[in-house]
PDB file of all heavy atoms in Angstrom:
ATOM      1  N   CYS A   1      60.302 140.844 118.675  1.00  0.00           N
ATOM      2  CA  CYS A   1      58.892 141.236 118.586  1.00  0.00           C
ATOM      3  C   CYS A   1      58.091 139.997 118.165  1.00  0.00           C
ATOM      4  O   CYS A   1      58.510 138.880 118.444  1.00  0.00           O
ATOM      5  CB  CYS A   1      58.707 142.405 117.615  1.00  0.00           C
ATOM      6  SG  CYS A   1      59.188 142.036 115.915  1.00  0.00           S
ATOM      7  N   GLN A   2      57.000 140.174 117.476  1.00  0.00           N
ATOM      8  CA  GLN A   2      56.173 139.040 117.086  1.00  0.00           C
ATOM      9  C   GLN A   2      56.797 138.262 115.922  1.00  0.00           C
ATOM     10  O   GLN A   2      56.851 137.048 115.951  1.00  0.00           O
ATOM     11  CB  GLN A   2      54.754 139.517 116.725  1.00  0.00           C
ATOM     12  CG  GLN A   2      53.751 138.408 116.505  1.00  0.00           C
ATOM     13  CD  GLN A   2      53.355 137.683 117.784  1.00  0.00           C
ATOM     14  OE1 GLN A   2      53.689 138.077 118.891  1.00  0.00           O
ATOM     15  NE2 GLN A   2      52.637 136.598 117.631  1.00  0.00           N
ATOM     16  N   SER A   3      57.259 138.989 114.882  1.00  0.00           N
ATOM     17  CA  SER A   3      57.782 138.298 113.704  1.00  0.00           C
ATOM     18  C   SER A   3      59.158 138.769 113.257  1.00  0.00           C
ATOM     19  O   SER A   3      59.724 138.204 112.327  1.00  0.00           O
ATOM     20  CB  SER A   3      56.797 138.457 112.537  1.00  0.00           C
ATOM     21  OG  SER A   3      56.690 139.829 112.181  1.00  0.00           O
ATOM     22  N   GLY A   4      59.688 139.803 113.892  1.00  0.00           N
ATOM     23  CA  GLY A   4      61.026 140.268 113.554  1.00  0.00           C
ATOM     24  C   GLY A   4      61.085 141.580 112.794  1.00  0.00           C
ATOM     25  O   GLY A   4      62.163 141.991 112.376  1.00  0.00           O
ATOM     26  N   VAL A   5      59.943 142.249 112.604  1.00  0.00           N
ATOM     27  CA  VAL A   5      59.944 143.513 111.866  1.00  0.00           C
ATOM     28  C   VAL A   5      60.092 144.707 112.812  1.00  0.00           C
ATOM     29  O   VAL A   5      61.021 145.507 112.678  1.00  0.00           O
ATOM     30  CB  VAL A   5      58.670 143.655 111.001  1.00  0.00           C
ATOM     31  CG1 VAL A   5      58.653 145.007 110.297  1.00  0.00           C
ATOM     32  CG2 VAL A   5      58.598 142.526 109.988  1.00  0.00           C
ATOM     33  N   ARG A   6      59.199 144.845 113.783  1.00  0.00           N
ATOM     34  CA  ARG A   6      59.288 145.962 114.734  1.00  0.00           C
ATOM     35  C   ARG A   6      60.638 145.962 115.443  1.00  0.00           C
ATOM     36  O   ARG A   6      61.193 147.025 115.738  1.00  0.00           O
ATOM     37  CB  ARG A   6      58.173 145.880 115.787  1.00  0.00           C
ATOM     38  CG  ARG A   6      56.848 146.405 115.331  1.00  0.00           C
ATOM     39  CD  ARG A   6      55.786 146.121 116.363  1.00  0.00           C
ATOM     40  NE  ARG A   6      55.391 144.718 116.278  1.00  0.00           N
ATOM     41  CZ  ARG A   6      54.559 144.117 117.101  1.00  0.00           C
ATOM     42  NH1 ARG A   6      54.043 144.781 118.123  1.00  0.00           N
ATOM     43  NH2 ARG A   6      54.233 142.860 116.942  1.00  0.00           N
ATOM     44  N   SER A   7      61.150 144.778 115.732  1.00  0.00           N
ATOM     45  CA  SER A   7      62.413 144.703 116.468  1.00  0.00           C
ATOM     46  C   SER A   7      63.584 145.266 115.664  1.00  0.00           C
ATOM     47  O   SER A   7      64.532 145.789 116.247  1.00  0.00           O
ATOM     48  CB  SER A   7      62.694 143.271 116.919  1.00  0.00           C
ATOM     49  OG  SER A   7      62.740 142.393 115.826  1.00  0.00           O
ATOM     50  N   VAL A   8      63.529 145.198 114.328  1.00  0.00           N
ATOM     51  CA  VAL A   8      64.588 145.813 113.506  1.00  0.00           C
ATOM     52  C   VAL A   8      64.584 147.321 113.734  1.00  0.00           C
ATOM     53  O   VAL A   8      65.627 147.930 113.957  1.00  0.00           O
ATOM     54  CB  VAL A   8      64.404 145.492 112.006  1.00  0.00           C
ATOM     55  CG1 VAL A   8      65.340 146.347 111.150  1.00  0.00           C
ATOM     56  CG2 VAL A   8      64.648 144.024 111.729  1.00  0.00           C
ATOM     57  N   TYR A   9      63.401 147.933 113.688  1.00  0.00           N
ATOM     58  CA  TYR A   9      63.286 149.376 113.900  1.00  0.00           C
ATOM     59  C   TYR A   9      63.693 149.766 115.321  1.00  0.00           C
ATOM     60  O   TYR A   9      64.376 150.769 115.535  1.00  0.00           O
ATOM     61  CB  TYR A   9      61.871 149.853 113.592  1.00  0.00           C
ATOM     62  CG  TYR A   9      61.519 149.709 112.135  1.00  0.00           C
ATOM     63  CD1 TYR A   9      60.658 148.705 111.715  1.00  0.00           C
ATOM     64  CD2 TYR A   9      62.067 150.555 111.165  1.00  0.00           C
ATOM     65  CE1 TYR A   9      60.339 148.552 110.372  1.00  0.00           C
ATOM     66  CE2 TYR A   9      61.753 150.410 109.824  1.00  0.00           C
ATOM     67  CZ  TYR A   9      60.889 149.410 109.432  1.00  0.00           C
ATOM     68  OH  TYR A   9      60.581 149.258 108.104  1.00  0.00           O
ATOM     69  N   ALA A  10      63.272 148.962 116.298  1.00  0.00           N
ATOM     70  CA  ALA A  10      63.622 149.237 117.691  1.00  0.00           C
ATOM     71  C   ALA A  10      65.135 149.118 117.891  1.00  0.00           C
ATOM     72  O   ALA A  10      65.750 149.964 118.562  1.00  0.00           O
ATOM     73  CB  ALA A  10      62.882 148.282 118.621  1.00  0.00           C
ATOM     74  N   THR A  11      65.729 148.083 117.317  1.00  0.00           N
ATOM     75  CA  THR A  11      67.177 147.889 117.425  1.00  0.00           C
ATOM     76  C   THR A  11      67.916 149.059 116.790  1.00  0.00           C
ATOM     77  O   THR A  11      68.876 149.589 117.360  1.00  0.00           O
ATOM     78  CB  THR A  11      67.597 146.560 116.765  1.00  0.00           C
ATOM     79  OG1 THR A  11      66.915 145.484 117.414  1.00  0.00           O
ATOM     80  CG2 THR A  11      69.099 146.337 116.855  1.00  0.00           C
ATOM     81  N   ARG A  12      67.467 149.495 115.633  1.00  0.00           N
ATOM     82  CA  ARG A  12      68.099 150.638 114.960  1.00  0.00           C
ATOM     83  C   ARG A  12      68.021 151.885 115.838  1.00  0.00           C
ATOM     84  O   ARG A  12      68.997 152.614 115.996  1.00  0.00           O
ATOM     85  CB  ARG A  12      67.448 150.905 113.610  1.00  0.00           C
ATOM     86  CG  ARG A  12      68.184 152.027 112.838  1.00  0.00           C
ATOM     87  CD  ARG A  12      67.417 152.561 111.683  1.00  0.00           C
ATOM     88  NE  ARG A  12      66.233 153.245 112.208  1.00  0.00           N
ATOM     89  CZ  ARG A  12      65.053 153.243 111.603  1.00  0.00           C
ATOM     90  NH1 ARG A  12      64.868 152.586 110.492  1.00  0.00           N
ATOM     91  NH2 ARG A  12      64.041 153.904 112.135  1.00  0.00           N
ATOM     92  N   ASP A  13      66.842 152.137 116.422  1.00  0.00           N
ATOM     93  CA  ASP A  13      66.692 153.302 117.292  1.00  0.00           C
ATOM     94  C   ASP A  13      67.630 153.222 118.498  1.00  0.00           C
ATOM     95  O   ASP A  13      68.216 154.233 118.904  1.00  0.00           O
ATOM     96  CB  ASP A  13      65.251 153.441 117.774  1.00  0.00           C
ATOM     97  CG  ASP A  13      64.321 153.990 116.699  1.00  0.00           C
ATOM     98  OD1 ASP A  13      64.775 154.254 115.557  1.00  0.00           O
ATOM     99  OD2 ASP A  13      63.123 154.154 117.006  1.00  0.00           O
ATOM    100  N   LEU A  14      67.774 152.033 119.067  1.00  0.00           N
ATOM    101  CA  LEU A  14      68.675 151.864 120.213  1.00  0.00           C
ATOM    102  C   LEU A  14      70.124 152.100 119.805  1.00  0.00           C
ATOM    103  O   LEU A  14      70.884 152.756 120.525  1.00  0.00           O
ATOM    104  CB  LEU A  14      68.494 150.472 120.823  1.00  0.00           C
ATOM    105  CG  LEU A  14      67.166 150.261 121.545  1.00  0.00           C
ATOM    106  CD1 LEU A  14      66.940 148.781 121.824  1.00  0.00           C
ATOM    107  CD2 LEU A  14      67.094 151.069 122.831  1.00  0.00           C
ATOM    108  N   LEU A  15      70.525 151.581 118.653  1.00  0.00           N
ATOM    109  CA  LEU A  15      71.887 151.814 118.170  1.00  0.00           C
ATOM    110  C   LEU A  15      72.120 153.292 117.891  1.00  0.00           C
ATOM    111  O   LEU A  15      73.174 153.840 118.222  1.00  0.00           O
ATOM    112  CB  LEU A  15      72.153 150.973 116.917  1.00  0.00           C
ATOM    113  CG  LEU A  15      72.255 149.464 117.154  1.00  0.00           C
ATOM    114  CD1 LEU A  15      72.210 148.714 115.828  1.00  0.00           C
ATOM    115  CD2 LEU A  15      73.517 149.118 117.936  1.00  0.00           C
ATOM    116  N   ASP A  16      71.121 153.964 117.304  1.00  0.00           N
ATOM    117  CA  ASP A  16      71.238 155.403 117.052  1.00  0.00           C
ATOM    118  C   ASP A  16      71.344 156.190 118.356  1.00  0.00           C
ATOM    119  O   ASP A  16      71.927 157.275 118.380  1.00  0.00           O
ATOM    120  CB  ASP A  16      70.040 155.915 116.245  1.00  0.00           C
ATOM    121  CG  ASP A  16      70.092 155.498 114.777  1.00  0.00           C
ATOM    122  OD1 ASP A  16      71.160 155.044 114.307  1.00  0.00           O
ATOM    123  OD2 ASP A  16      69.054 155.632 114.095  1.00  0.00           O
ATOM    124  N   ALA A  17      70.786 155.638 119.439  1.00  0.00           N
ATOM    125  CA  ALA A  17      70.861 156.282 120.759  1.00  0.00           C
ATOM    126  C   ALA A  17      72.126 155.870 121.513  1.00  0.00           C
ATOM    127  O   ALA A  17      72.244 156.088 122.709  1.00  0.00           O
ATOM    128  CB  ALA A  17      69.623 155.934 121.585  1.00  0.00           C
ATOM    129  N   GLU A  18      73.052 155.239 120.794  1.00  0.00           N
ATOM    130  CA  GLU A  18      74.369 154.864 121.306  1.00  0.00           C
ATOM    131  C   GLU A  18      74.387 153.671 122.245  1.00  0.00           C
ATOM    132  O   GLU A  18      75.313 153.510 123.034  1.00  0.00           O
ATOM    133  CB  GLU A  18      75.078 156.081 121.918  1.00  0.00           C
ATOM    134  CG  GLU A  18      75.275 157.191 120.911  1.00  0.00           C
ATOM    135  CD  GLU A  18      75.995 158.400 121.474  1.00  0.00           C
ATOM    136  OE1 GLU A  18      76.378 158.387 122.670  1.00  0.00           O
ATOM    137  OE2 GLU A  18      76.179 159.361 120.712  1.00  0.00           O
ATOM    138  N   PHE A  19      73.370 152.805 122.148  1.00  0.00           N
ATOM    139  CA  PHE A  19      73.466 151.507 122.813  1.00  0.00           C
ATOM    140  C   PHE A  19      74.499 150.712 122.019  1.00  0.00           C
ATOM    141  O   PHE A  19      74.496 150.722 120.789  1.00  0.00           O
ATOM    142  CB  PHE A  19      72.109 150.795 122.834  1.00  0.00           C
ATOM    143  CG  PHE A  19      71.204 151.264 123.939  1.00  0.00           C
ATOM    144  CD1 PHE A  19      70.535 152.470 123.840  1.00  0.00           C
ATOM    145  CD2 PHE A  19      71.033 150.493 125.085  1.00  0.00           C
ATOM    146  CE1 PHE A  19      69.707 152.916 124.866  1.00  0.00           C
ATOM    147  CE2 PHE A  19      70.216 150.930 126.118  1.00  0.00           C
ATOM    148  CZ  PHE A  19      69.547 152.140 126.006  1.00  0.00           C
ATOM    149  N   LYS A  20      75.396 150.035 122.702  1.00  0.00           N
ATOM    150  CA  LYS A  20      76.547 149.418 122.048  1.00  0.00           C
ATOM    151  C   LYS A  20      76.378 147.940 121.681  1.00  0.00           C
ATOM    152  O   LYS A  20      76.969 147.472 120.721  1.00  0.00           O
ATOM    153  CB  LYS A  20      77.784 149.535 122.955  1.00  0.00           C
ATOM    154  CG  LYS A  20      78.078 150.937 123.423  1.00  0.00           C
ATOM    155  CD  LYS A  20      78.624 151.781 122.306  1.00  0.00           C
ATOM    156  CE  LYS A  20      79.055 153.133 122.835  1.00  0.00           C
ATOM    157  NZ  LYS A  20      78.484 154.238 122.105  1.00  0.00           N
ATOM    158  N   ARG A  21      75.595 147.203 122.479  1.00  0.00           N
ATOM    159  CA  ARG A  21      75.533 145.738 122.323  1.00  0.00           C
ATOM    160  C   ARG A  21      74.085 145.286 122.167  1.00  0.00           C
ATOM    161  O   ARG A  21      73.524 144.658 123.053  1.00  0.00           O
ATOM    162  CB  ARG A  21      76.172 145.075 123.533  1.00  0.00           C
ATOM    163  CG  ARG A  21      77.622 145.439 123.695  1.00  0.00           C
ATOM    164  CD  ARG A  21      78.225 144.767 124.917  1.00  0.00           C
ATOM    165  NE  ARG A  21      79.623 145.100 125.022  1.00  0.00           N
ATOM    166  CZ  ARG A  21      80.131 145.866 125.958  1.00  0.00           C
ATOM    167  NH1 ARG A  21      79.367 146.373 126.887  1.00  0.00           N
ATOM    168  NH2 ARG A  21      81.418 146.105 125.989  1.00  0.00           N
ATOM    169  N   VAL A  22      73.502 145.617 121.012  1.00  0.00           N
ATOM    170  CA  VAL A  22      72.101 145.316 120.758  1.00  0.00           C
ATOM    171  C   VAL A  22      71.988 144.480 119.493  1.00  0.00           C
ATOM    172  O   VAL A  22      72.531 144.849 118.452  1.00  0.00           O
ATOM    173  CB  VAL A  22      71.284 146.616 120.590  1.00  0.00           C
ATOM    174  CG1 VAL A  22      69.810 146.304 120.438  1.00  0.00           C
ATOM    175  CG2 VAL A  22      71.509 147.554 121.758  1.00  0.00           C
ATOM    176  N   LEU A  23      71.293 143.358 119.599  1.00  0.00           N
ATOM    177  CA  LEU A  23      71.083 142.465 118.458  1.00  0.00           C
ATOM    178  C   LEU A  23      69.593 142.260 118.235  1.00  0.00           C
ATOM    179  O   LEU A  23      68.809 142.226 119.178  1.00  0.00           O
ATOM    180  CB  LEU A  23      71.740 141.103 118.723  1.00  0.00           C
ATOM    181  CG  LEU A  23      73.245 141.120 118.976  1.00  0.00           C
ATOM    182  CD1 LEU A  23      73.706 139.773 119.507  1.00  0.00           C
ATOM    183  CD2 LEU A  23      73.994 141.491 117.707  1.00  0.00           C
ATOM    184  N   ASN A  24      69.205 142.109 116.982  1.00  0.00           N
ATOM    185  CA  ASN A  24      67.822 141.829 116.623  1.00  0.00           C
ATOM    186  C   ASN A  24      67.648 140.311 116.510  1.00  0.00           C
ATOM    187  O   ASN A  24      68.493 139.627 115.943  1.00  0.00           O
ATOM    188  CB  ASN A  24      67.501 142.494 115.278  1.00  0.00           C
ATOM    189  CG  ASN A  24      66.116 142.149 114.797  1.00  0.00           C
ATOM    190  OD1 ASN A  24      65.131 142.366 115.483  1.00  0.00           O
ATOM    191  ND2 ASN A  24      66.038 141.590 113.598  1.00  0.00           N
ATOM    192  N   MET A  25      66.532 139.788 117.052  1.00  0.00           N
ATOM    193  CA  MET A  25      66.240 138.357 116.932  1.00  0.00           C
ATOM    194  C   MET A  25      65.340 138.142 115.716  1.00  0.00           C
ATOM    195  O   MET A  25      64.175 138.528 115.708  1.00  0.00           O
ATOM    196  CB  MET A  25      65.547 137.834 118.195  1.00  0.00           C
ATOM    197  CG  MET A  25      65.306 136.328 118.147  1.00  0.00           C
ATOM    198  SD  MET A  25      64.656 135.666 119.696  1.00  0.00           S
ATOM    199  CE  MET A  25      62.906 136.050 119.528  1.00  0.00           C
ATOM    200  N   GLY A  26      65.878 137.538 114.689  1.00  0.00           N
ATOM    201  CA  GLY A  26      65.126 137.265 113.474  1.00  0.00           C
ATOM    202  C   GLY A  26      63.988 136.280 113.721  1.00  0.00           C
ATOM    203  O   GLY A  26      64.128 135.328 114.470  1.00  0.00           O
ATOM    204  N   GLY A  27      62.858 136.536 113.104  1.00  0.00           N
ATOM    205  CA  GLY A  27      61.716 135.633 113.220  1.00  0.00           C
ATOM    206  C   GLY A  27      60.824 135.891 114.406  1.00  0.00           C
ATOM    207  O   GLY A  27      59.682 135.460 114.437  1.00  0.00           O
ATOM    208  N   GLY A  28      61.349 136.576 115.424  1.00  0.00           N
ATOM    209  CA  GLY A  28      60.567 136.971 116.581  1.00  0.00           C
ATOM    210  C   GLY A  28      59.959 135.829 117.384  1.00  0.00           C
ATOM    211  O   GLY A  28      60.396 134.674 117.328  1.00  0.00           O
ATOM    212  N   TYR A  29      58.919 136.197 118.126  1.00  0.00           N
ATOM    213  CA  TYR A  29      58.245 135.258 119.026  1.00  0.00           C
ATOM    214  C   TYR A  29      57.649 134.075 118.259  1.00  0.00           C
ATOM    215  O   TYR A  29      57.678 132.942 118.732  1.00  0.00           O
ATOM    216  CB  TYR A  29      57.151 136.013 119.800  1.00  0.00           C
ATOM    217  CG  TYR A  29      56.413 135.168 120.808  1.00  0.00           C
ATOM    218  CD1 TYR A  29      57.009 134.813 122.015  1.00  0.00           C
ATOM    219  CD2 TYR A  29      55.115 134.722 120.550  1.00  0.00           C
ATOM    220  CE1 TYR A  29      56.333 134.042 122.943  1.00  0.00           C
ATOM    221  CE2 TYR A  29      54.429 133.958 121.476  1.00  0.00           C
ATOM    222  CZ  TYR A  29      55.042 133.614 122.663  1.00  0.00           C
ATOM    223  OH  TYR A  29      54.371 132.842 123.580  1.00  0.00           O
ATOM    224  N   ILE A  30      57.151 134.339 117.053  1.00  0.00           N
ATOM    225  CA  ILE A  30      56.564 133.265 116.241  1.00  0.00           C
ATOM    226  C   ILE A  30      57.604 132.184 115.968  1.00  0.00           C
ATOM    227  O   ILE A  30      57.326 130.989 116.105  1.00  0.00           O
ATOM    228  CB  ILE A  30      55.979 133.819 114.927  1.00  0.00           C
ATOM    229  CG1 ILE A  30      54.744 134.680 115.214  1.00  0.00           C
ATOM    230  CG2 ILE A  30      55.644 132.701 113.955  1.00  0.00           C
ATOM    231  CD1 ILE A  30      54.221 135.434 114.005  1.00  0.00           C
ATOM    232  N   ALA A  31      58.806 132.584 115.589  1.00  0.00           N
ATOM    233  CA  ALA A  31      59.871 131.613 115.319  1.00  0.00           C
ATOM    234  C   ALA A  31      60.320 130.914 116.597  1.00  0.00           C
ATOM    235  O   ALA A  31      60.621 129.715 116.589  1.00  0.00           O
ATOM    236  CB  ALA A  31      61.055 132.306 114.647  1.00  0.00           C
ATOM    237  N   TRP A  32      60.356 131.659 117.709  1.00  0.00           N
ATOM    238  CA  TRP A  32      60.744 131.076 119.005  1.00  0.00           C
ATOM    239  C   TRP A  32      59.795 129.934 119.357  1.00  0.00           C
ATOM    240  O   TRP A  32      60.224 128.824 119.675  1.00  0.00           O
ATOM    241  CB  TRP A  32      60.733 132.169 120.071  1.00  0.00           C
ATOM    242  CG  TRP A  32      61.226 131.738 121.422  1.00  0.00           C
ATOM    243  CD1 TRP A  32      60.484 131.184 122.420  1.00  0.00           C
ATOM    244  CD2 TRP A  32      62.564 131.821 121.918  1.00  0.00           C
ATOM    245  NE1 TRP A  32      61.276 130.932 123.518  1.00  0.00           N
ATOM    246  CE2 TRP A  32      62.558 131.308 123.231  1.00  0.00           C
ATOM    247  CE3 TRP A  32      63.760 132.291 121.382  1.00  0.00           C
ATOM    248  CZ2 TRP A  32      63.706 131.253 124.010  1.00  0.00           C
ATOM    249  CZ3 TRP A  32      64.898 132.231 122.169  1.00  0.00           C
ATOM    250  CH2 TRP A  32      64.866 131.714 123.462  1.00  0.00           C
ATOM    251  N   VAL A  33      58.499 130.220 119.288  1.00  0.00           N
ATOM    252  CA  VAL A  33      57.477 129.205 119.598  1.00  0.00           C
ATOM    253  C   VAL A  33      57.531 128.067 118.576  1.00  0.00           C
ATOM    254  O   VAL A  33      57.436 126.889 118.929  1.00  0.00           O
ATOM    255  CB  VAL A  33      56.069 129.845 119.633  1.00  0.00           C
ATOM    256  CG1 VAL A  33      54.978 128.790 119.742  1.00  0.00           C
ATOM    257  CG2 VAL A  33      55.969 130.822 120.801  1.00  0.00           C
ATOM    258  N   GLY A  34      57.726 128.419 117.309  1.00  0.00           N
ATOM    259  CA  GLY A  34      57.799 127.421 116.247  1.00  0.00           C
ATOM    260  C   GLY A  34      58.945 126.446 116.419  1.00  0.00           C
ATOM    261  O   GLY A  34      58.889 125.310 115.924  1.00  0.00           O
ATOM    262  N   ASN A  35      59.986 126.868 117.121  1.00  0.00           N
ATOM    263  CA  ASN A  35      61.119 125.988 117.396  1.00  0.00           C
ATOM    264  C   ASN A  35      60.927 125.193 118.677  1.00  0.00           C
ATOM    265  O   ASN A  35      61.811 124.449 119.089  1.00  0.00           O
ATOM    266  CB  ASN A  35      62.412 126.808 117.468  1.00  0.00           C
ATOM    267  CG  ASN A  35      62.995 127.066 116.104  1.00  0.00           C
ATOM    268  OD1 ASN A  35      63.729 126.253 115.581  1.00  0.00           O
ATOM    269  ND2 ASN A  35      62.650 128.197 115.511  1.00  0.00           N
ATOM    270  N   GLY A  36      59.789 125.376 119.329  1.00  0.00           N
ATOM    271  CA  GLY A  36      59.491 124.614 120.537  1.00  0.00           C
ATOM    272  C   GLY A  36      60.199 125.104 121.784  1.00  0.00           C
ATOM    273  O   GLY A  36      60.263 124.386 122.787  1.00  0.00           O
ATOM    274  N   PHE A  37      60.725 126.330 121.750  1.00  0.00           N
ATOM    275  CA  PHE A  37      61.414 126.864 122.914  1.00  0.00           C
ATOM    276  C   PHE A  37      60.404 127.304 123.969  1.00  0.00           C
ATOM    277  O   PHE A  37      59.279 127.663 123.658  1.00  0.00           O
ATOM    278  CB  PHE A  37      62.322 128.026 122.530  1.00  0.00           C
ATOM    279  CG  PHE A  37      63.438 127.653 121.577  1.00  0.00           C
ATOM    280  CD1 PHE A  37      64.013 128.608 120.771  1.00  0.00           C
ATOM    281  CD2 PHE A  37      63.910 126.354 121.489  1.00  0.00           C
ATOM    282  CE1 PHE A  37      65.045 128.285 119.896  1.00  0.00           C
ATOM    283  CE2 PHE A  37      64.938 126.013 120.616  1.00  0.00           C
ATOM    284  CZ  PHE A  37      65.504 126.995 119.818  1.00  0.00           C
ATOM    285  N   ALA A  38      60.825 127.302 125.224  1.00  0.00           N
ATOM    286  CA  ALA A  38      59.951 127.590 126.353  1.00  0.00           C
ATOM    287  C   ALA A  38      59.431 129.020 126.327  1.00  0.00           C
ATOM    288  O   ALA A  38      60.154 129.953 125.978  1.00  0.00           O
ATOM    289  CB  ALA A  38      60.697 127.348 127.657  1.00  0.00           C
ATOM    290  N   VAL A  39      58.157 129.154 126.704  1.00  0.00           N
ATOM    291  CA  VAL A  39      57.530 130.469 126.842  1.00  0.00           C
ATOM    292  C   VAL A  39      56.762 130.510 128.152  1.00  0.00           C
ATOM    293  O   VAL A  39      56.448 129.474 128.745  1.00  0.00           O
ATOM    294  CB  VAL A  39      56.570 130.798 125.679  1.00  0.00           C
ATOM    295  CG1 VAL A  39      57.339 130.889 124.371  1.00  0.00           C
ATOM    296  CG2 VAL A  39      55.457 129.786 125.574  1.00  0.00           C
ATOM    297  N   LYS A  40      56.470 131.701 128.594  1.00  0.00           N
ATOM    298  CA  LYS A  40      55.710 131.923 129.808  1.00  0.00           C
ATOM    299  C   LYS A  40      54.457 132.691 129.433  1.00  0.00           C
ATOM    300  O   LYS A  40      54.498 133.611 128.635  1.00  0.00           O
ATOM    301  CB  LYS A  40      56.557 132.731 130.795  1.00  0.00           C
ATOM    302  CG  LYS A  40      55.896 133.017 132.114  1.00  0.00           C
ATOM    303  CD  LYS A  40      56.865 133.710 133.053  1.00  0.00           C
ATOM    304  CE  LYS A  40      56.241 134.134 134.342  1.00  0.00           C
ATOM    305  NZ  LYS A  40      55.769 133.074 135.180  1.00  0.00           N
ATOM    306  N   LYS A  41      53.337 132.296 130.010  1.00  0.00           N
ATOM    307  CA  LYS A  41      52.085 133.001 129.774  1.00  0.00           C
ATOM    308  C   LYS A  41      51.672 133.667 131.069  1.00  0.00           C
ATOM    309  O   LYS A  41      51.850 133.117 132.138  1.00  0.00           O
ATOM    310  CB  LYS A  41      51.011 132.050 129.286  1.00  0.00           C
ATOM    311  CG  LYS A  41      51.378 131.440 127.947  1.00  0.00           C
ATOM    312  CD  LYS A  41      50.254 130.663 127.336  1.00  0.00           C
ATOM    313  CE  LYS A  41      50.789 129.966 126.111  1.00  0.00           C
ATOM    314  NZ  LYS A  41      50.126 130.100 124.942  1.00  0.00           N
ATOM    315  N   SER A  42      51.107 134.868 130.943  1.00  0.00           N
ATOM    316  CA  SER A  42      50.634 135.569 132.140  1.00  0.00           C
ATOM    317  C   SER A  42      49.474 134.808 132.753  1.00  0.00           C
ATOM    318  O   SER A  42      48.631 134.267 132.051  1.00  0.00           O
ATOM    319  CB  SER A  42      50.202 136.990 131.771  1.00  0.00           C
ATOM    320  OG  SER A  42      51.314 137.709 131.308  1.00  0.00           O
ATOM    321  N   ASP A  43      49.436 134.775 134.086  1.00  0.00           N
ATOM    322  CA  ASP A  43      48.417 134.000 134.795  1.00  0.00           C
ATOM    323  C   ASP A  43      47.006 134.532 134.600  1.00  0.00           C
ATOM    324  O   ASP A  43      46.049 133.790 134.671  1.00  0.00           O
ATOM    325  CB  ASP A  43      48.735 133.992 136.294  1.00  0.00           C
ATOM    326  CG  ASP A  43      50.044 133.289 136.580  1.00  0.00           C
ATOM    327  OD1 ASP A  43      50.426 132.399 135.800  1.00  0.00           O
ATOM    328  OD2 ASP A  43      50.693 133.631 137.595  1.00  0.00           O
ATOM    329  N   ASN A  44      46.889 135.825 134.321  1.00  0.00           N
ATOM    330  CA  ASN A  44      45.550 136.414 134.249  1.00  0.00           C
ATOM    331  C   ASN A  44      44.972 136.469 132.836  1.00  0.00           C
ATOM    332  O   ASN A  44      43.999 137.146 132.595  1.00  0.00           O
ATOM    333  CB  ASN A  44      45.569 137.831 134.830  1.00  0.00           C
ATOM    334  CG  ASN A  44      46.555 138.739 134.129  1.00  0.00           C
ATOM    335  OD1 ASN A  44      47.322 138.299 133.272  1.00  0.00           O
ATOM    336  ND2 ASN A  44      46.538 140.013 134.482  1.00  0.00           N
TER     337      ASN A  44
END
């Protein structure tokens, strides 16, 4: 997600729904961008 909070809840819900291989990305999009990793922006 943006910072890693919503994704914890989403991951938990997916695991509760019996998804087997789900991991949460700590730090979210903010951390991804902060590490200089590639992102895509919508053209519009």
